[in-house]
Amino acid sequence: MNKKTLYLALYNEVFINGQRSTGNGNTVEIFDRNRFYVALGYMIKEGLKIQFGVMNQTTDNWSKNQFQLSFHHKL
């Protein structure tokens, strides 16, 4: 990306338990959680960018949103 580039970042992650038994007769569901993330990013200069977005996490029992501000750099 070139500096001063505005971009959209998206991802979706599904967490699946490969083993249901956790020992002592306890089990977990096959579906653990889903995380969906959308953010707007800006390339400040080569190797430095900033992103602001929201991630929604969902399980069988609850759902929540988290706002995230992140800086990314590479040398």
Protein backbone atom coordinates (compact mmCIF):
# COMPACT_ATOMS: atom_id res chain seq x y z
CA MET A 1 0.00 0.00 0.00
CA ASN A 2 1.07 3.55 -0.60
CA LYS A 3 1.14 6.18 2.13
CA LYS A 4 -2.12 8.08 2.70
CA THR A 5 -4.15 5.02 1.62
CA LEU A 6 -7.52 4.45 3.31
CA TYR A 7 -8.56 0.77 3.51
CA LEU A 8 -11.20 -1.56 4.91
CA ALA A 9 -10.21 -4.60 6.99
CA LEU A 10 -12.61 -7.53 7.47
CA TYR A 11 -12.33 -10.97 8.98
CA ASN A 12 -14.51 -13.71 10.40
CA GLU A 13 -13.22 -16.51 12.62
CA VAL A 14 -15.20 -19.58 13.69
CA PHE A 15 -13.82 -21.55 16.65
CA ILE A 16 -14.67 -25.25 16.70
CA ASN A 17 -13.75 -27.63 19.52
CA GLY A 18 -12.11 -30.74 18.11
CA GLN A 19 -12.69 -32.72 21.29
CA ARG A 20 -15.93 -32.56 23.27
CA SER A 21 -14.71 -34.24 26.46
CA THR A 22 -12.68 -32.09 28.87
CA GLY A 23 -12.24 -34.81 31.50
CA ASN A 24 -14.07 -35.79 34.70
CA GLY A 25 -17.30 -36.32 32.73
CA ASN A 26 -17.36 -32.68 31.53
CA THR A 27 -18.04 -31.81 27.89
CA VAL A 28 -18.09 -28.70 25.73
CA GLU A 29 -20.13 -27.78 22.67
CA ILE A 30 -18.61 -28.31 19.22
CA PHE A 31 -19.18 -24.60 18.38
CA ASP A 32 -17.11 -22.41 20.69
CA ARG A 33 -17.42 -18.89 19.30
CA ASN A 34 -17.53 -16.70 16.22
CA ARG A 35 -15.59 -13.44 15.89
CA PHE A 36 -16.42 -10.93 13.19
CA TYR A 37 -14.25 -7.81 12.76
CA VAL A 38 -14.60 -4.75 10.57
CA ALA A 39 -12.25 -1.76 10.66
CA LEU A 40 -11.24 1.33 8.75
CA GLY A 41 -7.51 1.75 8.37
CA TYR A 42 -5.12 4.42 7.18
CA MET A 43 -1.57 3.94 5.90
CA ILE A 44 0.37 6.79 7.51
CA LYS A 45 3.67 5.97 5.80
CA GLU A 46 5.53 2.89 4.66
CA GLY A 47 5.56 0.42 7.54
CA LEU A 48 3.14 2.41 9.76
CA LYS A 49 -0.64 2.24 9.75
CA ILE A 50 -3.54 2.78 12.14
CA GLN A 51 -6.84 0.90 12.35
CA PHE A 52 -10.11 1.57 14.20
CA GLY A 53 -12.82 -1.05 14.21
CA VAL A 54 -15.31 -3.17 16.09
CA MET A 55 -15.23 -6.89 16.79
CA ASN A 56 -18.39 -8.85 17.61
CA GLN A 57 -17.87 -12.08 19.55
CA THR A 58 -20.72 -14.57 19.79
CA THR A 59 -21.09 -17.86 21.69
CA ASP A 60 -24.16 -19.98 22.39
CA ASN A 61 -24.71 -18.00 25.62
CA TRP A 62 -23.65 -14.41 24.95
CA SER A 63 -22.63 -11.82 22.39
CA LYS A 64 -20.59 -8.65 22.85
CA ASN A 65 -18.99 -5.88 20.81
CA GLN A 66 -15.47 -4.56 21.40
CA PHE A 67 -14.06 -1.40 19.89
CA GLN A 68 -10.40 -1.61 18.92
CA LEU A 69 -7.79 0.99 18.07
CA SER A 70 -4.53 -0.47 16.81
CA PHE A 71 -1.23 0.71 15.43
CA HIS A 72 0.73 -1.57 13.09
CA HIS A 73 4.38 -1.11 12.24
CA LYS A 74 7.12 -3.12 10.66
CA LEU A 75 10.79 -2.41 10.47
